[in-house]
Amino acid sequence: MIVIAGLALAGFSGYEWMQSSQSVESIDEKTESTEELQPEASEPDPEPAEEKEAESPDPSKTYDFAKGEEIAAFEIPSIDSRFEVFWGTDDATLDQGVGMYVSDEWTETPNVQKHTVLSGHRDTVFTELGDVEEDDVMHVEFDGWVYEYKIDDIWITDAEDRTVIVEKEDPVLTVTTCYPFDYIGAAPDRYIMQGELVDVYEK
């Protein structure tokens, strides 16, 4: 019975790992698949329409996402990784991939340009987060816009540290995962990366 229970637990854990891992792909793979879907270029119009200047994201726009709904994409070019982002950071959502922290007081969606927080498991989606360095960039694609952040701080803190997810007036992206990366069981610490917004452009 013990052997059967162990095998069942291992199988379930393997299934969860596989499900989360499927939400990660290399940036090169994403680019290739996008290019394959694009139609062949047609002849340009003799009098192309005048291009309109892109507007900025609307910081007052709110969203009514369902918990676990896919809402964005997250890229870290230095490790050639692109992650699907889902609404919420509950256990079921993080089993799908990277989650965006939901809060009425401390965090916001990227368009508000204040504090956005993303979280993920160290043993599924964020296995290579330790290879990311300060001054690397991170991209969040959200509602037709790309928000580029430059990492200015990386640190390790206790899992109970409540100073990480706080309200900020400046546009900041915080990425969190458990630490140590190779720890077996519930890890005691948190690995934190934080970056300031340096650019916003249409996708």
C-alpha atoms as a PDB file:
ATOM      1  CA  MET A   1       0.000   0.000   0.000  1.00  0.00           C
ATOM      2  CA  ILE A   2       2.850   2.374   0.832  1.00  0.00           C
ATOM      3  CA  VAL A   3       4.499   1.696  -2.528  1.00  0.00           C
ATOM      4  CA  ILE A   4       1.219   2.276  -4.388  1.00  0.00           C
ATOM      5  CA  ALA A   5       0.599   5.530  -2.494  1.00  0.00           C
ATOM      6  CA  GLY A   6       4.146   6.681  -3.269  1.00  0.00           C
ATOM      7  CA  LEU A   7       3.741   5.936  -6.948  1.00  0.00           C
ATOM      8  CA  ALA A   8       0.405   7.792  -7.046  1.00  0.00           C
ATOM      9  CA  LEU A   9       1.940  10.840  -5.352  1.00  0.00           C
ATOM     10  CA  ALA A  10       4.907  10.812  -7.726  1.00  0.00           C
ATOM     11  CA  GLY A  11       2.582  10.530 -10.709  1.00  0.00           C
ATOM     12  CA  PHE A  12       0.449  13.458  -9.548  1.00  0.00           C
ATOM     13  CA  SER A  13       3.528  15.609  -8.878  1.00  0.00           C
ATOM     14  CA  GLY A  14       4.860  14.747 -12.312  1.00  0.00           C
ATOM     15  CA  TYR A  15       1.569  15.732 -13.909  1.00  0.00           C
ATOM     16  CA  GLU A  16       1.583  19.125 -12.109  1.00  0.00           C
ATOM     17  CA  TRP A  17       5.196  19.732 -13.166  1.00  0.00           C
ATOM     18  CA  MET A  18       4.398  18.907 -16.778  1.00  0.00           C
ATOM     19  CA  GLN A  19       1.323  21.177 -16.763  1.00  0.00           C
ATOM     20  CA  SER A  20       3.275  24.159 -15.380  1.00  0.00           C
ATOM     21  CA  SER A  21       6.259  23.573 -17.649  1.00  0.00           C
ATOM     22  CA  GLN A  22       4.036  23.724 -20.724  1.00  0.00           C
ATOM     23  CA  SER A  23       3.441  27.435 -20.015  1.00  0.00           C
ATOM     24  CA  VAL A  24       7.129  28.196 -20.720  1.00  0.00           C
ATOM     25  CA  GLU A  25       8.798  28.367 -24.122  1.00  0.00           C
ATOM     26  CA  SER A  26      11.938  29.868 -25.563  1.00  0.00           C
ATOM     27  CA  ILE A  27      11.646  33.310 -27.110  1.00  0.00           C
ATOM     28  CA  ASP A  28      13.153  31.989 -30.358  1.00  0.00           C
ATOM     29  CA  GLU A  29      10.456  29.291 -30.588  1.00  0.00           C
ATOM     30  CA  LYS A  30       7.739  31.899 -30.087  1.00  0.00           C
ATOM     31  CA  THR A  31       9.209  34.122 -32.797  1.00  0.00           C
ATOM     32  CA  GLU A  32       9.409  31.230 -35.275  1.00  0.00           C
ATOM     33  CA  SER A  33       5.819  30.134 -34.651  1.00  0.00           C
ATOM     34  CA  THR A  34       4.582  33.720 -35.052  1.00  0.00           C
ATOM     35  CA  GLU A  35       6.437  34.130 -38.340  1.00  0.00           C
ATOM     36  CA  GLU A  36       4.906  30.898 -39.688  1.00  0.00           C
ATOM     37  CA  LEU A  37       1.408  32.233 -39.014  1.00  0.00           C
ATOM     38  CA  GLN A  38       1.972  35.566 -40.747  1.00  0.00           C
ATOM     39  CA  PRO A  39       0.544  35.850 -44.305  1.00  0.00           C
ATOM     40  CA  GLU A  40       2.781  36.650 -47.225  1.00  0.00           C
ATOM     41  CA  ALA A  41       3.473  40.320 -47.723  1.00  0.00           C
ATOM     42  CA  SER A  42       1.240  41.993 -50.287  1.00  0.00           C
ATOM     43  CA  GLU A  43       2.021  44.921 -52.533  1.00  0.00           C
ATOM     44  CA  PRO A  44       1.903  48.210 -50.608  1.00  0.00           C
ATOM     45  CA  ASP A  45      -0.928  50.606 -51.314  1.00  0.00           C
ATOM     46  CA  PRO A  46       0.049  53.396 -53.709  1.00  0.00           C
ATOM     47  CA  GLU A  47      -1.064  55.940 -51.131  1.00  0.00           C
ATOM     48  CA  PRO A  48      -0.572  54.443 -47.672  1.00  0.00           C
ATOM     49  CA  ALA A  49      -2.852  55.754 -44.986  1.00  0.00           C
ATOM     50  CA  GLU A  50      -1.360  58.266 -42.618  1.00  0.00           C
ATOM     51  CA  GLU A  51      -0.056  56.566 -39.503  1.00  0.00           C
ATOM     52  CA  LYS A  52      -1.627  57.630 -36.240  1.00  0.00           C
ATOM     53  CA  GLU A  53       0.570  58.344 -33.287  1.00  0.00           C
ATOM     54  CA  ALA A  54       0.224  55.556 -30.706  1.00  0.00           C
ATOM     55  CA  GLU A  55      -1.642  56.487 -27.587  1.00  0.00           C
ATOM     56  CA  SER A  56      -0.406  55.608 -24.120  1.00  0.00           C
ATOM     57  CA  PRO A  57      -1.999  52.810 -22.083  1.00  0.00           C
ATOM     58  CA  ASP A  58      -5.015  53.951 -20.102  1.00  0.00           C
ATOM     59  CA  PRO A  59      -4.041  53.865 -16.388  1.00  0.00           C
ATOM     60  CA  SER A  60      -7.677  54.133 -15.319  1.00  0.00           C
ATOM     61  CA  LYS A  61      -8.773  51.017 -17.213  1.00  0.00           C
ATOM     62  CA  THR A  62      -9.845  48.132 -14.983  1.00  0.00           C
ATOM     63  CA  TYR A  63     -10.219  44.442 -15.797  1.00  0.00           C
ATOM     64  CA  ASP A  64     -12.621  41.746 -14.667  1.00  0.00           C
ATOM     65  CA  PHE A  65     -10.523  38.609 -15.096  1.00  0.00           C
ATOM     66  CA  ALA A  66     -11.520  35.213 -13.784  1.00  0.00           C
ATOM     67  CA  LYS A  67      -9.108  33.535 -11.407  1.00  0.00           C
ATOM     68  CA  GLY A  68      -6.713  31.370 -13.402  1.00  0.00           C
ATOM     69  CA  GLU A  69      -7.454  33.138 -16.705  1.00  0.00           C
ATOM     70  CA  GLU A  70      -4.489  33.690 -19.038  1.00  0.00           C
ATOM     71  CA  ILE A  71      -3.977  37.462 -19.219  1.00  0.00           C
ATOM     72  CA  ALA A  72      -0.418  38.291 -20.284  1.00  0.00           C
ATOM     73  CA  ALA A  73       3.028  37.071 -21.293  1.00  0.00           C
ATOM     74  CA  PHE A  74       6.318  37.549 -19.454  1.00  0.00           C
ATOM     75  CA  GLU A  75       9.730  37.447 -21.141  1.00  0.00           C
ATOM     76  CA  ILE A  76      13.282  37.382 -19.805  1.00  0.00           C
ATOM     77  CA  PRO A  77      15.549  37.613 -22.879  1.00  0.00           C
ATOM     78  CA  SER A  78      18.773  36.871 -20.964  1.00  0.00           C
ATOM     79  CA  ILE A  79      17.585  33.305 -20.285  1.00  0.00           C
ATOM     80  CA  ASP A  80      15.610  33.033 -23.556  1.00  0.00           C
ATOM     81  CA  SER A  81      12.357  32.343 -21.722  1.00  0.00           C
ATOM     82  CA  ARG A  82       8.769  33.356 -22.336  1.00  0.00           C
ATOM     83  CA  PHE A  83       6.054  32.548 -19.786  1.00  0.00           C
ATOM     84  CA  GLU A  84       2.271  32.561 -19.921  1.00  0.00           C
ATOM     85  CA  VAL A  85       0.821  34.697 -17.116  1.00  0.00           C
ATOM     86  CA  PHE A  86      -2.430  33.881 -15.316  1.00  0.00           C
ATOM     87  CA  TRP A  87      -4.652  35.958 -13.025  1.00  0.00           C
ATOM     88  CA  GLY A  88      -4.017  35.178  -9.361  1.00  0.00           C
ATOM     89  CA  THR A  89      -1.375  33.457  -7.245  1.00  0.00           C
ATOM     90  CA  ASP A  90      -3.425  30.752  -5.537  1.00  0.00           C
ATOM     91  CA  ASP A  91      -2.125  27.176  -5.683  1.00  0.00           C
ATOM     92  CA  ALA A  92      -4.329  26.140  -8.613  1.00  0.00           C
ATOM     93  CA  THR A  93      -3.252  29.154 -10.690  1.00  0.00           C
ATOM     94  CA  LEU A  94       0.469  28.718  -9.960  1.00  0.00           C
ATOM     95  CA  ASP A  95       0.147  25.091 -11.032  1.00  0.00           C
ATOM     96  CA  GLN A  96      -0.653  26.498 -14.504  1.00  0.00           C
ATOM     97  CA  GLY A  97       2.377  28.783 -14.669  1.00  0.00           C
ATOM     98  CA  VAL A  98       3.278  32.333 -13.631  1.00  0.00           C
ATOM     99  CA  GLY A  99       0.618  34.194 -11.652  1.00  0.00           C
ATOM    100  CA  MET A 100      -0.062  37.933 -11.359  1.00  0.00           C
ATOM    101  CA  TYR A 101      -0.666  38.939  -7.761  1.00  0.00           C
ATOM    102  CA  VAL A 102      -4.177  40.287  -7.191  1.00  0.00           C
ATOM    103  CA  SER A 103      -4.622  43.053  -4.619  1.00  0.00           C
ATOM    104  CA  ASP A 104      -6.979  45.983  -4.144  1.00  0.00           C
ATOM    105  CA  GLU A 105      -4.444  47.896  -2.066  1.00  0.00           C
ATOM    106  CA  TRP A 106      -0.835  47.141  -3.000  1.00  0.00           C
ATOM    107  CA  THR A 107      -0.515  45.897  -6.580  1.00  0.00           C
ATOM    108  CA  GLU A 108      -1.856  46.833 -10.007  1.00  0.00           C
ATOM    109  CA  THR A 109      -1.984  45.623 -13.585  1.00  0.00           C
ATOM    110  CA  PRO A 110       0.876  47.038 -15.721  1.00  0.00           C
ATOM    111  CA  ASN A 111      -1.245  49.740 -17.395  1.00  0.00           C
ATOM    112  CA  VAL A 112      -1.617  51.583 -14.061  1.00  0.00           C
ATOM    113  CA  GLN A 113       2.190  51.864 -13.968  1.00  0.00           C
ATOM    114  CA  LYS A 114       2.636  51.368 -10.259  1.00  0.00           C
ATOM    115  CA  HIS A 115       3.506  48.046  -8.568  1.00  0.00           C
ATOM    116  CA  THR A 116       2.983  44.835 -10.537  1.00  0.00           C
ATOM    117  CA  VAL A 117       3.925  41.489  -8.948  1.00  0.00           C
ATOM    118  CA  LEU A 118       4.469  38.139 -10.683  1.00  0.00           C
ATOM    119  CA  SER A 119       5.053  34.832  -8.873  1.00  0.00           C
ATOM    120  CA  GLY A 120       5.931  31.318  -9.976  1.00  0.00           C
ATOM    121  CA  HIS A 121       7.214  27.994  -8.682  1.00  0.00           C
ATOM    122  CA  ARG A 122      11.003  27.535  -8.562  1.00  0.00           C
ATOM    123  CA  ASP A 123      10.770  23.901  -9.658  1.00  0.00           C
ATOM    124  CA  THR A 124       8.552  24.399 -12.729  1.00  0.00           C
ATOM    125  CA  VAL A 125       8.528  27.766 -14.506  1.00  0.00           C
ATOM    126  CA  PHE A 126      11.299  29.649 -12.685  1.00  0.00           C
ATOM    127  CA  THR A 127      14.009  26.969 -12.663  1.00  0.00           C
ATOM    128  CA  GLU A 128      16.519  29.344 -14.333  1.00  0.00           C
ATOM    129  CA  LEU A 129      15.701  32.515 -12.420  1.00  0.00           C
ATOM    130  CA  GLY A 130      19.016  32.291 -10.562  1.00  0.00           C
ATOM    131  CA  ASP A 131      20.844  32.938 -13.852  1.00  0.00           C
ATOM    132  CA  VAL A 132      19.233  36.364 -14.285  1.00  0.00           C
ATOM    133  CA  GLU A 133      21.404  39.333 -13.305  1.00  0.00           C
ATOM    134  CA  GLU A 134      20.986  42.984 -12.434  1.00  0.00           C
ATOM    135  CA  ASP A 135      20.658  45.263 -15.505  1.00  0.00           C
ATOM    136  CA  ASP A 136      18.922  42.459 -17.454  1.00  0.00           C
ATOM    137  CA  VAL A 137      15.550  43.446 -18.870  1.00  0.00           C
ATOM    138  CA  MET A 138      12.101  41.908 -18.411  1.00  0.00           C
ATOM    139  CA  HIS A 139       9.079  42.372 -20.693  1.00  0.00           C
ATOM    140  CA  VAL A 140       5.417  42.085 -19.776  1.00  0.00           C
ATOM    141  CA  GLU A 141       2.949  41.942 -22.684  1.00  0.00           C
ATOM    142  CA  PHE A 142      -0.440  43.070 -21.439  1.00  0.00           C
ATOM    143  CA  ASP A 143      -3.549  44.243 -23.308  1.00  0.00           C
ATOM    144  CA  GLY A 144      -1.704  45.130 -26.520  1.00  0.00           C
ATOM    145  CA  TRP A 145       1.241  46.885 -24.880  1.00  0.00           C
ATOM    146  CA  VAL A 146       4.775  45.824 -23.957  1.00  0.00           C
ATOM    147  CA  TYR A 147       6.180  47.092 -20.666  1.00  0.00           C
ATOM    148  CA  GLU A 148       9.975  46.901 -20.399  1.00  0.00           C
ATOM    149  CA  TYR A 149      11.621  46.835 -16.985  1.00  0.00           C
ATOM    150  CA  LYS A 150      15.323  46.943 -16.121  1.00  0.00           C
ATOM    151  CA  ILE A 151      16.341  44.871 -13.103  1.00  0.00           C
ATOM    152  CA  ASP A 152      17.960  47.027 -10.441  1.00  0.00           C
ATOM    153  CA  ASP A 153      17.823  44.748  -7.401  1.00  0.00           C
ATOM    154  CA  ILE A 154      17.902  41.010  -6.614  1.00  0.00           C
ATOM    155  CA  TRP A 155      17.757  39.686  -3.052  1.00  0.00           C
ATOM    156  CA  ILE A 156      16.722  36.803  -0.820  1.00  0.00           C
ATOM    157  CA  THR A 157      14.347  37.245   2.090  1.00  0.00           C
ATOM    158  CA  ASP A 158      12.315  35.212   4.562  1.00  0.00           C
ATOM    159  CA  ALA A 159       9.088  33.674   3.276  1.00  0.00           C
ATOM    160  CA  GLU A 160       7.142  35.677   5.865  1.00  0.00           C
ATOM    161  CA  ASP A 161       8.612  39.046   4.820  1.00  0.00           C
ATOM    162  CA  ARG A 162       5.651  41.385   4.317  1.00  0.00           C
ATOM    163  CA  THR A 163       7.721  44.311   2.998  1.00  0.00           C
ATOM    164  CA  VAL A 164       7.957  42.879  -0.551  1.00  0.00           C
ATOM    165  CA  ILE A 165       4.351  43.222  -1.690  1.00  0.00           C
ATOM    166  CA  VAL A 166       3.593  46.815  -0.824  1.00  0.00           C
ATOM    167  CA  GLU A 167       2.116  49.846  -2.555  1.00  0.00           C
ATOM    168  CA  LYS A 168       4.501  51.817  -4.780  1.00  0.00           C
ATOM    169  CA  GLU A 169       3.966  55.118  -6.541  1.00  0.00           C
ATOM    170  CA  ASP A 170       6.579  54.480  -9.247  1.00  0.00           C
ATOM    171  CA  PRO A 171       6.156  51.816 -11.973  1.00  0.00           C
ATOM    172  CA  VAL A 172       7.932  48.721 -10.659  1.00  0.00           C
ATOM    173  CA  LEU A 173       7.806  45.018 -11.518  1.00  0.00           C
ATOM    174  CA  THR A 174       8.540  42.519  -8.732  1.00  0.00           C
ATOM    175  CA  VAL A 175       9.118  38.829  -9.518  1.00  0.00           C
ATOM    176  CA  THR A 176       9.063  36.289  -6.674  1.00  0.00           C
ATOM    177  CA  THR A 177       9.721  32.592  -6.258  1.00  0.00           C
ATOM    178  CA  CYS A 178      10.716  30.208  -3.468  1.00  0.00           C
ATOM    179  CA  TYR A 179      14.361  29.728  -2.454  1.00  0.00           C
ATOM    180  CA  PRO A 180      16.715  27.816  -2.353  1.00  0.00           C
ATOM    181  CA  PHE A 181      16.081  26.573  -5.875  1.00  0.00           C
ATOM    182  CA  ASP A 182      17.237  23.009  -5.101  1.00  0.00           C
ATOM    183  CA  TYR A 183      15.461  22.754  -1.733  1.00  0.00           C
ATOM    184  CA  ILE A 184      13.337  19.638  -1.149  1.00  0.00           C
ATOM    185  CA  GLY A 185       9.988  20.443   0.424  1.00  0.00           C
ATOM    186  CA  ALA A 186       8.535  23.822   1.404  1.00  0.00           C
ATOM    187  CA  ALA A 187      11.384  26.302   0.901  1.00  0.00           C
ATOM    188  CA  PRO A 188      11.977  28.725   3.813  1.00  0.00           C
ATOM    189  CA  ASP A 189      12.939  31.807   1.798  1.00  0.00           C
ATOM    190  CA  ARG A 190      11.887  33.908  -1.180  1.00  0.00           C
ATOM    191  CA  TYR A 191      13.986  34.978  -4.173  1.00  0.00           C
ATOM    192  CA  ILE A 192      13.063  38.485  -5.301  1.00  0.00           C
ATOM    193  CA  MET A 193      13.863  40.406  -8.496  1.00  0.00           C
ATOM    194  CA  GLN A 194      12.751  43.975  -8.937  1.00  0.00           C
ATOM    195  CA  GLY A 195      12.962  46.322 -11.919  1.00  0.00           C
ATOM    196  CA  GLU A 196      11.907  49.846 -12.832  1.00  0.00           C
ATOM    197  CA  LEU A 197       9.874  50.614 -15.947  1.00  0.00           C
ATOM    198  CA  VAL A 198      12.102  52.006 -18.711  1.00  0.00           C
ATOM    199  CA  ASP A 199       9.873  51.817 -21.803  1.00  0.00           C
ATOM    200  CA  VAL A 200       6.326  51.180 -23.002  1.00  0.00           C
ATOM    201  CA  TYR A 201       5.386  50.445 -26.612  1.00  0.00           C
ATOM    202  CA  GLU A 202       2.620  48.825 -28.620  1.00  0.00           C
ATOM    203  CA  LYS A 203       2.911  45.093 -29.179  1.00  0.00           C
END
